[in-house]
Amino acid sequence: MNDTLFTNSFSFFEAHRGKHAYTDMRAGTPLHYIAYMLRGKCKIVSADTEINASAGDFFYIPKGLPYQSYWQDEQDVSFLSLGFPYFPNPEKKDYPLQVIETDETGLMLLRRVPIGLQTTPEGIAALYTLLSHLIGHMQDSTPCRSRQIVLKTERLLWENTDLRPADIARQIGI
């Protein structure tokens, strides 16, 4: 991948929506997004989660998530949108759609990300510095081992109701 293609895979901009707006992203989002609400409020609804964010809130939308969003304000809604293709996650945690509670450090780091300009290596570094701070404030939904076993078992039984208990145990690794 060349430098131009790499830097063009990021998207940092200030977005505006009308007083009452709707966005249909049921096809799934092409990037991960961190957003910061400047004015107004939004409700984002996915198949299993609903969040509400208002001015001063950060929120995270995972790459590929199908969702719908509803925006409203007395004037127009505005927010900063930071789209990025790669989420640093060496622990393989599952970070769902969520509002992120943060502090002044998060706002200070956000100010370092160049919004609306051509993406540069410095801008990408500023984004990942912000992200490394926000990850410490994010909730993961990595299920515990017993919950993973139950989910795998349910999926297997939906796919094949004729499985014997020994077949299920072998397929899920217990």
N, C-alpha and C. Protein backbone atom coordinates (compact mmCIF):
# COMPACT_ATOMS: atom_id res chain seq x y z
N MET A 1 0.86 -1.17 0.00
CA MET A 1 0.00 0.00 0.00
C MET A 1 0.90 1.23 0.00
N ASN A 2 0.62 2.17 -0.90
CA ASN A 2 1.45 3.37 -0.93
C ASN A 2 0.97 4.40 0.09
N ASP A 3 1.77 5.43 0.32
CA ASP A 3 1.48 6.42 1.36
C ASP A 3 0.16 7.14 1.12
N THR A 4 -0.11 7.50 -0.14
CA THR A 4 -1.34 8.22 -0.45
C THR A 4 -2.56 7.36 -0.16
N LEU A 5 -2.54 6.13 -0.60
CA LEU A 5 -3.65 5.22 -0.35
C LEU A 5 -3.86 5.03 1.15
N PHE A 6 -2.76 4.88 1.88
CA PHE A 6 -2.86 4.71 3.33
C PHE A 6 -3.49 5.93 3.99
N THR A 7 -2.98 7.12 3.72
CA THR A 7 -3.53 8.31 4.38
C THR A 7 -4.96 8.60 3.94
N ASN A 8 -5.33 8.23 2.72
CA ASN A 8 -6.71 8.45 2.25
C ASN A 8 -7.70 7.49 2.89
N SER A 9 -7.22 6.46 3.59
CA SER A 9 -8.14 5.53 4.25
C SER A 9 -8.63 6.06 5.59
N PHE A 10 -8.17 7.25 5.98
CA PHE A 10 -8.62 7.91 7.20
C PHE A 10 -9.54 9.07 6.82
N SER A 11 -10.43 9.44 7.74
CA SER A 11 -11.39 10.51 7.45
C SER A 11 -11.61 11.34 8.72
N PHE A 12 -11.14 12.59 8.70
CA PHE A 12 -11.30 13.48 9.86
C PHE A 12 -12.06 14.73 9.39
N PHE A 13 -13.30 14.91 9.85
CA PHE A 13 -14.06 16.07 9.41
C PHE A 13 -15.10 16.49 10.44
N GLU A 14 -15.59 17.71 10.29
CA GLU A 14 -16.71 18.19 11.09
C GLU A 14 -17.97 17.97 10.28
N ALA A 15 -18.91 17.22 10.85
CA ALA A 15 -20.16 16.89 10.16
C ALA A 15 -21.29 17.75 10.69
N HIS A 16 -22.23 18.03 9.81
CA HIS A 16 -23.42 18.81 10.16
C HIS A 16 -24.66 18.07 9.70
N ARG A 17 -25.65 18.06 10.53
CA ARG A 17 -26.96 17.49 10.19
C ARG A 17 -27.98 18.58 10.45
N GLY A 18 -29.14 18.46 9.86
CA GLY A 18 -30.20 19.44 10.07
C GLY A 18 -30.78 19.35 11.47
N LYS A 19 -31.81 20.13 11.71
CA LYS A 19 -32.46 20.15 13.03
C LYS A 19 -32.97 18.76 13.41
N HIS A 20 -33.49 18.07 12.43
CA HIS A 20 -33.97 16.69 12.62
C HIS A 20 -33.50 15.90 11.41
N ALA A 21 -32.59 14.97 11.63
CA ALA A 21 -32.02 14.22 10.51
C ALA A 21 -31.95 12.74 10.86
N TYR A 22 -31.86 11.95 9.81
CA TYR A 22 -31.79 10.49 9.93
C TYR A 22 -30.68 10.00 9.00
N THR A 23 -29.90 9.02 9.48
CA THR A 23 -28.87 8.40 8.65
C THR A 23 -29.08 6.89 8.68
N ASP A 24 -29.13 6.28 7.50
CA ASP A 24 -29.32 4.84 7.39
C ASP A 24 -27.99 4.20 7.03
N MET A 25 -27.39 3.52 7.99
CA MET A 25 -26.13 2.80 7.78
C MET A 25 -26.35 1.30 8.00
N ARG A 26 -27.52 0.80 7.62
CA ARG A 26 -27.82 -0.61 7.83
C ARG A 26 -26.95 -1.53 6.99
N ALA A 27 -26.26 -0.98 6.00
CA ALA A 27 -25.31 -1.77 5.21
C ALA A 27 -24.00 -1.96 5.97
N GLY A 28 -23.81 -1.24 7.06
CA GLY A 28 -22.59 -1.33 7.86
C GLY A 28 -21.64 -0.20 7.52
N THR A 29 -20.91 0.22 8.51
CA THR A 29 -19.99 1.34 8.33
C THR A 29 -18.63 0.83 7.81
N PRO A 30 -18.01 1.56 6.88
CA PRO A 30 -16.76 1.08 6.28
C PRO A 30 -15.52 1.25 7.16
N LEU A 31 -15.60 2.07 8.19
CA LEU A 31 -14.47 2.35 9.06
C LEU A 31 -14.90 2.26 10.52
N HIS A 32 -13.96 2.27 11.42
CA HIS A 32 -14.24 2.52 12.84
C HIS A 32 -14.40 4.03 12.96
N TYR A 33 -15.25 4.48 13.88
CA TYR A 33 -15.42 5.91 14.09
C TYR A 33 -15.38 6.26 15.56
N ILE A 34 -14.62 7.31 15.86
CA ILE A 34 -14.73 8.01 17.13
C ILE A 34 -15.35 9.34 16.76
N ALA A 35 -16.38 9.73 17.48
CA ALA A 35 -17.02 11.01 17.21
C ALA A 35 -17.11 11.81 18.50
N TYR A 36 -17.15 13.11 18.34
CA TYR A 36 -17.30 14.01 19.49
C TYR A 36 -18.42 14.99 19.14
N MET A 37 -19.47 14.99 19.96
CA MET A 37 -20.63 15.85 19.72
C MET A 37 -20.29 17.29 20.10
N LEU A 38 -20.44 18.19 19.13
CA LEU A 38 -20.23 19.62 19.38
C LEU A 38 -21.54 20.30 19.75
N ARG A 39 -22.61 19.97 19.03
CA ARG A 39 -23.92 20.61 19.28
C ARG A 39 -25.02 19.62 18.93
N GLY A 40 -26.06 19.61 19.75
CA GLY A 40 -27.20 18.75 19.50
C GLY A 40 -27.07 17.41 20.20
N LYS A 41 -27.90 16.48 19.75
CA LYS A 41 -27.87 15.15 20.32
C LYS A 41 -28.20 14.13 19.24
N CYS A 42 -27.81 12.89 19.51
CA CYS A 42 -28.09 11.83 18.56
C CYS A 42 -28.46 10.56 19.31
N LYS A 43 -29.20 9.74 18.61
CA LYS A 43 -29.52 8.38 19.08
C LYS A 43 -29.04 7.46 17.97
N ILE A 44 -28.24 6.47 18.34
CA ILE A 44 -27.74 5.49 17.38
C ILE A 44 -28.25 4.12 17.82
N VAL A 45 -28.88 3.44 16.86
CA VAL A 45 -29.53 2.17 17.16
C VAL A 45 -28.96 1.08 16.26
N SER A 46 -28.43 0.02 16.90
CA SER A 46 -27.99 -1.16 16.16
C SER A 46 -28.92 -2.31 16.56
N ALA A 47 -28.66 -3.49 16.06
CA ALA A 47 -29.52 -4.64 16.35
C ALA A 47 -29.64 -4.93 17.84
N ASP A 48 -28.56 -4.70 18.61
CA ASP A 48 -28.61 -5.06 20.03
C ASP A 48 -28.23 -3.95 20.99
N THR A 49 -27.98 -2.74 20.47
CA THR A 49 -27.55 -1.64 21.33
C THR A 49 -28.19 -0.34 20.88
N GLU A 50 -28.48 0.51 21.84
CA GLU A 50 -28.94 1.87 21.55
C GLU A 50 -28.15 2.81 22.45
N ILE A 51 -27.57 3.86 21.85
CA ILE A 51 -26.87 4.86 22.66
C ILE A 51 -27.46 6.22 22.38
N ASN A 52 -27.32 7.11 23.35
CA ASN A 52 -27.72 8.51 23.22
C ASN A 52 -26.51 9.35 23.58
N ALA A 53 -26.15 10.27 22.68
CA ALA A 53 -25.02 11.16 22.91
C ALA A 53 -25.48 12.59 22.72
N SER A 54 -24.91 13.49 23.50
CA SER A 54 -25.23 14.91 23.36
C SER A 54 -23.94 15.71 23.41
N ALA A 55 -24.07 17.03 23.24
CA ALA A 55 -22.90 17.90 23.18
C ALA A 55 -21.93 17.58 24.32
N GLY A 56 -20.65 17.42 23.98
CA GLY A 56 -19.62 17.10 24.97
C GLY A 56 -19.33 15.63 25.13
N ASP A 57 -20.06 14.76 24.41
CA ASP A 57 -19.85 13.31 24.52
C ASP A 57 -19.00 12.80 23.37
N PHE A 58 -18.11 11.86 23.70
CA PHE A 58 -17.43 11.04 22.70
C PHE A 58 -18.27 9.78 22.51
N PHE A 59 -18.26 9.22 21.31
CA PHE A 59 -18.83 7.89 21.14
C PHE A 59 -18.04 7.11 20.09
N TYR A 60 -18.20 5.79 20.13
CA TYR A 60 -17.47 4.88 19.26
C TYR A 60 -18.45 4.05 18.45
N ILE A 61 -18.19 3.93 17.15
CA ILE A 61 -18.96 3.06 16.27
C ILE A 61 -17.96 2.07 15.64
N PRO A 62 -18.12 0.77 15.90
CA PRO A 62 -17.18 -0.21 15.34
C PRO A 62 -17.34 -0.40 13.84
N LYS A 63 -16.25 -0.70 13.19
CA LYS A 63 -16.23 -0.96 11.75
C LYS A 63 -17.18 -2.12 11.43
N GLY A 64 -17.98 -1.94 10.38
CA GLY A 64 -18.89 -2.98 9.93
C GLY A 64 -20.24 -3.00 10.62
N LEU A 65 -20.43 -2.17 11.65
CA LEU A 65 -21.68 -2.20 12.41
C LEU A 65 -22.84 -1.63 11.59
N PRO A 66 -23.90 -2.40 11.38
CA PRO A 66 -25.11 -1.84 10.77
C PRO A 66 -25.87 -1.03 11.84
N TYR A 67 -26.28 0.18 11.50
CA TYR A 67 -27.00 1.00 12.46
C TYR A 67 -27.84 2.06 11.75
N GLN A 68 -28.68 2.70 12.53
CA GLN A 68 -29.44 3.86 12.09
C GLN A 68 -29.22 4.95 13.12
N SER A 69 -29.16 6.20 12.66
CA SER A 69 -28.94 7.29 13.61
C SER A 69 -29.97 8.39 13.41
N TYR A 70 -30.32 9.01 14.52
CA TYR A 70 -31.32 10.07 14.56
C TYR A 70 -30.68 11.27 15.24
N TRP A 71 -30.76 12.42 14.60
CA TRP A 71 -30.06 13.63 15.05
C TRP A 71 -31.08 14.72 15.28
N GLN A 72 -30.88 15.51 16.37
CA GLN A 72 -31.79 16.62 16.58
C GLN A 72 -31.16 17.73 17.41
N ASP A 73 -31.62 18.95 17.14
CA ASP A 73 -31.17 20.14 17.86
C ASP A 73 -32.11 21.28 17.49
N GLU A 74 -32.00 22.38 18.20
CA GLU A 74 -32.76 23.59 17.88
C GLU A 74 -32.30 24.18 16.55
N GLN A 75 -30.99 24.04 16.27
CA GLN A 75 -30.44 24.52 15.00
C GLN A 75 -29.99 23.28 14.22
N ASP A 76 -28.73 23.25 13.81
CA ASP A 76 -28.25 22.02 13.19
C ASP A 76 -27.31 21.30 14.15
N VAL A 77 -27.25 20.01 14.00
CA VAL A 77 -26.38 19.17 14.82
C VAL A 77 -24.99 19.20 14.21
N SER A 78 -23.96 19.26 15.04
CA SER A 78 -22.60 19.17 14.52
C SER A 78 -21.76 18.29 15.43
N PHE A 79 -20.83 17.58 14.80
CA PHE A 79 -19.95 16.69 15.54
C PHE A 79 -18.67 16.49 14.75
N LEU A 80 -17.61 16.12 15.46
CA LEU A 80 -16.35 15.77 14.83
C LEU A 80 -16.36 14.27 14.59
N SER A 81 -15.98 13.87 13.38
CA SER A 81 -15.99 12.47 13.00
C SER A 81 -14.58 12.05 12.62
N LEU A 82 -14.07 11.04 13.30
CA LEU A 82 -12.72 10.52 13.04
C LEU A 82 -12.85 9.07 12.60
N GLY A 83 -12.72 8.84 11.30
CA GLY A 83 -12.83 7.49 10.75
C GLY A 83 -11.46 6.89 10.51
N PHE A 84 -11.30 5.62 10.88
CA PHE A 84 -10.00 4.96 10.75
C PHE A 84 -10.20 3.47 10.49
N PRO A 85 -9.32 2.89 9.66
CA PRO A 85 -9.52 1.50 9.26
C PRO A 85 -8.97 0.46 10.24
N TYR A 86 -8.00 0.82 11.05
CA TYR A 86 -7.32 -0.16 11.90
C TYR A 86 -7.48 0.20 13.38
N PHE A 87 -8.01 -0.76 14.14
CA PHE A 87 -8.22 -0.57 15.57
C PHE A 87 -7.15 -1.36 16.31
N PRO A 88 -6.27 -0.69 17.06
CA PRO A 88 -5.23 -1.41 17.78
C PRO A 88 -5.84 -2.20 18.94
N ASN A 89 -5.76 -3.51 18.86
CA ASN A 89 -6.46 -4.32 19.84
C ASN A 89 -5.71 -5.64 20.08
N PRO A 90 -4.51 -5.56 20.66
CA PRO A 90 -3.72 -6.79 20.85
C PRO A 90 -4.37 -7.79 21.80
N GLU A 91 -5.25 -7.33 22.68
CA GLU A 91 -5.91 -8.24 23.62
C GLU A 91 -7.16 -8.88 23.03
N LYS A 92 -7.50 -8.50 21.79
CA LYS A 92 -8.66 -9.07 21.07
C LYS A 92 -9.97 -8.87 21.82
N LYS A 93 -10.12 -7.70 22.43
CA LYS A 93 -11.38 -7.39 23.11
C LYS A 93 -12.42 -6.93 22.09
N ASP A 94 -13.66 -7.09 22.45
CA ASP A 94 -14.76 -6.69 21.59
C ASP A 94 -15.32 -5.38 22.14
N TYR A 95 -15.11 -4.28 21.42
CA TYR A 95 -15.60 -2.98 21.85
C TYR A 95 -16.86 -2.65 21.06
N PRO A 96 -18.02 -2.64 21.72
CA PRO A 96 -19.27 -2.39 21.01
C PRO A 96 -19.54 -0.89 20.85
N LEU A 97 -20.60 -0.58 20.14
CA LEU A 97 -21.12 0.78 20.04
C LEU A 97 -21.29 1.31 21.45
N GLN A 98 -20.78 2.54 21.71
CA GLN A 98 -20.87 3.06 23.07
C GLN A 98 -20.54 4.54 23.16
N VAL A 99 -21.09 5.18 24.20
CA VAL A 99 -20.67 6.52 24.60
C VAL A 99 -19.45 6.31 25.49
N ILE A 100 -18.44 7.15 25.32
CA ILE A 100 -17.20 7.00 26.08
C ILE A 100 -17.08 8.13 27.08
N GLU A 101 -17.08 7.78 28.35
CA GLU A 101 -16.86 8.77 29.41
C GLU A 101 -15.37 9.07 29.44
N THR A 102 -15.00 10.33 29.35
CA THR A 102 -13.59 10.67 29.34
C THR A 102 -13.34 11.92 30.16
N ASP A 103 -12.17 12.48 30.03
CA ASP A 103 -11.76 13.60 30.86
C ASP A 103 -11.15 14.70 29.99
N GLU A 104 -10.58 15.70 30.62
CA GLU A 104 -9.97 16.82 29.90
C GLU A 104 -8.82 16.37 29.00
N THR A 105 -8.14 15.31 29.39
CA THR A 105 -7.04 14.80 28.56
C THR A 105 -7.58 14.37 27.20
N GLY A 106 -8.73 13.72 27.18
CA GLY A 106 -9.35 13.33 25.91
C GLY A 106 -9.62 14.52 25.01
N LEU A 107 -10.15 15.59 25.59
CA LEU A 107 -10.41 16.81 24.80
C LEU A 107 -9.12 17.44 24.31
N MET A 108 -8.10 17.46 25.15
CA MET A 108 -6.82 18.02 24.76
C MET A 108 -6.24 17.23 23.58
N LEU A 109 -6.31 15.90 23.65
CA LEU A 109 -5.79 15.06 22.57
C LEU A 109 -6.62 15.21 21.29
N LEU A 110 -7.93 15.39 21.44
CA LEU A 110 -8.79 15.60 20.28
C LEU A 110 -8.37 16.86 19.52
N ARG A 111 -8.02 17.91 20.23
CA ARG A 111 -7.62 19.17 19.60
C ARG A 111 -6.37 19.02 18.73
N ARG A 112 -5.59 17.98 18.94
CA ARG A 112 -4.37 17.76 18.16
C ARG A 112 -4.66 17.11 16.80
N VAL A 113 -5.85 16.53 16.64
CA VAL A 113 -6.19 15.86 15.39
C VAL A 113 -6.65 16.92 14.38
N PRO A 114 -5.98 17.03 13.23
CA PRO A 114 -6.36 18.05 12.25
C PRO A 114 -7.68 17.67 11.56
N ILE A 115 -8.68 18.51 11.74
CA ILE A 115 -10.01 18.25 11.20
C ILE A 115 -10.18 19.00 9.88
N GLY A 116 -10.67 18.28 8.87
CA GLY A 116 -10.99 18.91 7.60
C GLY A 116 -9.81 19.17 6.68
N LEU A 117 -8.63 18.80 7.10
CA LEU A 117 -7.44 18.99 6.27
C LEU A 117 -7.07 17.65 5.67
N GLN A 118 -6.18 17.68 4.71
CA GLN A 118 -5.67 16.43 4.16
C GLN A 118 -5.00 15.65 5.28
N THR A 119 -5.27 14.37 5.34
CA THR A 119 -4.71 13.54 6.39
C THR A 119 -3.20 13.43 6.22
N THR A 120 -2.49 13.60 7.32
CA THR A 120 -1.02 13.52 7.33
C THR A 120 -0.59 12.46 8.32
N PRO A 121 0.65 12.02 8.24
CA PRO A 121 1.15 11.08 9.26
C PRO A 121 1.02 11.65 10.67
N GLU A 122 1.24 12.96 10.83
CA GLU A 122 1.10 13.59 12.16
C GLU A 122 -0.34 13.51 12.64
N GLY A 123 -1.29 13.72 11.72
CA GLY A 123 -2.71 13.62 12.09
C GLY A 123 -3.10 12.21 12.49
N ILE A 124 -2.57 11.23 11.77
CA ILE A 124 -2.84 9.83 12.11
C ILE A 124 -2.24 9.49 13.47
N ALA A 125 -1.03 9.98 13.72
CA ALA A 125 -0.41 9.76 15.04
C ALA A 125 -1.25 10.40 16.14
N ALA A 126 -1.77 11.60 15.89
CA ALA A 126 -2.61 12.28 16.89
C ALA A 126 -3.89 11.48 17.14
N LEU A 127 -4.49 10.92 16.08
CA LEU A 127 -5.68 10.10 16.25
C LEU A 127 -5.38 8.89 17.13
N TYR A 128 -4.30 8.18 16.85
CA TYR A 128 -3.99 6.97 17.62
C TYR A 128 -3.55 7.29 19.05
N THR A 129 -3.00 8.46 19.27
CA THR A 129 -2.71 8.89 20.65
C THR A 129 -4.03 9.11 21.39
N LEU A 130 -4.98 9.78 20.74
CA LEU A 130 -6.31 9.96 21.33
C LEU A 130 -6.96 8.61 21.58
N LEU A 131 -6.92 7.73 20.59
CA LEU A 131 -7.55 6.42 20.72
C LEU A 131 -6.94 5.61 21.86
N SER A 132 -5.61 5.67 22.01
CA SER A 132 -4.99 4.92 23.11
C SER A 132 -5.48 5.43 24.46
N HIS A 133 -5.78 6.73 24.55
CA HIS A 133 -6.34 7.27 25.79
C HIS A 133 -7.79 6.81 25.96
N LEU A 134 -8.59 6.91 24.90
CA LEU A 134 -10.01 6.56 25.01
C LEU A 134 -10.24 5.08 25.30
N ILE A 135 -9.37 4.22 24.77
CA ILE A 135 -9.54 2.78 25.02
C ILE A 135 -9.54 2.48 26.52
N GLY A 136 -8.77 3.24 27.27
CA GLY A 136 -8.76 3.06 28.72
C GLY A 136 -10.08 3.42 29.38
N HIS A 137 -10.95 4.13 28.67
CA HIS A 137 -12.25 4.52 29.18
C HIS A 137 -13.40 3.72 28.56
N MET A 138 -13.07 2.86 27.60
CA MET A 138 -14.11 2.12 26.89
C MET A 138 -14.45 0.81 27.60
N GLN A 139 -15.67 0.38 27.40
CA GLN A 139 -16.15 -0.89 27.95
C GLN A 139 -16.04 -1.94 26.86
N ASP A 140 -15.51 -3.11 27.21
CA ASP A 140 -15.50 -4.18 26.21
C ASP A 140 -16.62 -5.15 26.56
N SER A 141 -17.01 -5.91 25.57
CA SER A 141 -18.09 -6.87 25.78
C SER A 141 -17.61 -8.29 25.50
N THR A 142 -16.33 -8.53 25.76
CA THR A 142 -15.79 -9.86 25.55
C THR A 142 -16.47 -10.80 26.54
N PRO A 143 -17.20 -11.80 26.02
CA PRO A 143 -17.90 -12.70 26.94
C PRO A 143 -16.94 -13.61 27.68
N CYS A 144 -17.34 -14.02 28.86
CA CYS A 144 -16.53 -14.94 29.64
C CYS A 144 -16.54 -16.32 28.95
N ARG A 145 -15.64 -17.17 29.36
CA ARG A 145 -15.48 -18.48 28.72
C ARG A 145 -16.77 -19.28 28.74
N SER A 146 -17.48 -19.30 29.86
CA SER A 146 -18.71 -20.09 29.93
C SER A 146 -19.78 -19.52 29.00
N ARG A 147 -19.83 -18.20 28.89
CA ARG A 147 -20.80 -17.58 27.97
C ARG A 147 -20.44 -17.90 26.52
N GLN A 148 -19.15 -17.93 26.19
CA GLN A 148 -18.73 -18.30 24.84
C GLN A 148 -19.15 -19.73 24.50
N ILE A 149 -19.04 -20.64 25.47
CA ILE A 149 -19.45 -22.02 25.26
C ILE A 149 -20.95 -22.09 24.99
N VAL A 150 -21.74 -21.36 25.77
CA VAL A 150 -23.18 -21.36 25.58
C VAL A 150 -23.54 -20.81 24.19
N LEU A 151 -22.91 -19.70 23.79
CA LEU A 151 -23.19 -19.11 22.48
C LEU A 151 -22.83 -20.05 21.33
N LYS A 152 -21.67 -20.71 21.42
CA LYS A 152 -21.28 -21.67 20.39
C LYS A 152 -22.24 -22.85 20.33
N THR A 153 -22.66 -23.33 21.50
CA THR A 153 -23.61 -24.45 21.56
C THR A 153 -24.94 -24.07 20.92
N GLU A 154 -25.44 -22.90 21.26
CA GLU A 154 -26.70 -22.44 20.67
C GLU A 154 -26.59 -22.37 19.15
N ARG A 155 -25.48 -21.81 18.66
CA ARG A 155 -25.30 -21.69 17.20
C ARG A 155 -25.27 -23.07 16.54
N LEU A 156 -24.53 -24.01 17.15
CA LEU A 156 -24.48 -25.37 16.60
C LEU A 156 -25.85 -26.03 16.57
N LEU A 157 -26.62 -25.86 17.64
CA LEU A 157 -27.94 -26.49 17.69
C LEU A 157 -28.92 -25.87 16.70
N TRP A 158 -28.78 -24.59 16.44
CA TRP A 158 -29.62 -23.96 15.43
C TRP A 158 -29.29 -24.50 14.04
N GLU A 159 -28.01 -24.78 13.82
CA GLU A 159 -27.56 -25.27 12.52
C GLU A 159 -27.87 -26.75 12.33
N ASN A 160 -27.89 -27.53 13.41
CA ASN A 160 -28.09 -28.96 13.31
C ASN A 160 -28.71 -29.47 14.61
N THR A 161 -30.00 -29.74 14.57
CA THR A 161 -30.70 -30.18 15.79
C THR A 161 -30.44 -31.65 16.13
N ASP A 162 -29.76 -32.39 15.24
CA ASP A 162 -29.51 -33.81 15.47
C ASP A 162 -28.19 -34.10 16.16
N LEU A 163 -27.46 -33.08 16.59
CA LEU A 163 -26.17 -33.30 17.23
C LEU A 163 -26.34 -33.96 18.59
N ARG A 164 -25.44 -34.89 18.89
CA ARG A 164 -25.41 -35.54 20.20
C ARG A 164 -24.54 -34.69 21.12
N PRO A 165 -24.71 -34.77 22.43
CA PRO A 165 -23.88 -33.99 23.36
C PRO A 165 -22.38 -34.18 23.13
N ALA A 166 -21.94 -35.40 22.82
CA ALA A 166 -20.52 -35.65 22.58
C ALA A 166 -20.04 -34.89 21.32
N ASP A 167 -20.89 -34.81 20.30
CA ASP A 167 -20.54 -34.08 19.06
C ASP A 167 -20.40 -32.59 19.36
N ILE A 168 -21.31 -32.08 20.15
CA ILE A 168 -21.26 -30.66 20.50
C ILE A 168 -19.99 -30.36 21.29
N ALA A 169 -19.70 -31.20 22.28
CA ALA A 169 -18.51 -30.97 23.13
C ALA A 169 -17.24 -31.00 22.28
N ARG A 170 -17.16 -31.93 21.33
CA ARG A 170 -15.98 -32.02 20.48
C ARG A 170 -15.86 -30.76 19.59
N GLN A 171 -16.95 -30.30 19.03
CA GLN A 171 -16.91 -29.16 18.12
C GLN A 171 -16.61 -27.84 18.81
N ILE A 172 -16.99 -27.72 20.07
CA ILE A 172 -16.70 -26.44 20.77
C ILE A 172 -15.46 -26.54 21.64
N GLY A 173 -14.82 -27.68 21.66
CA GLY A 173 -13.53 -27.80 22.32
C GLY A 173 -13.57 -28.00 23.82
N ILE A 174 -14.60 -28.70 24.32
CA ILE A 174 -14.62 -29.03 25.75
C ILE A 174 -14.73 -30.54 25.94
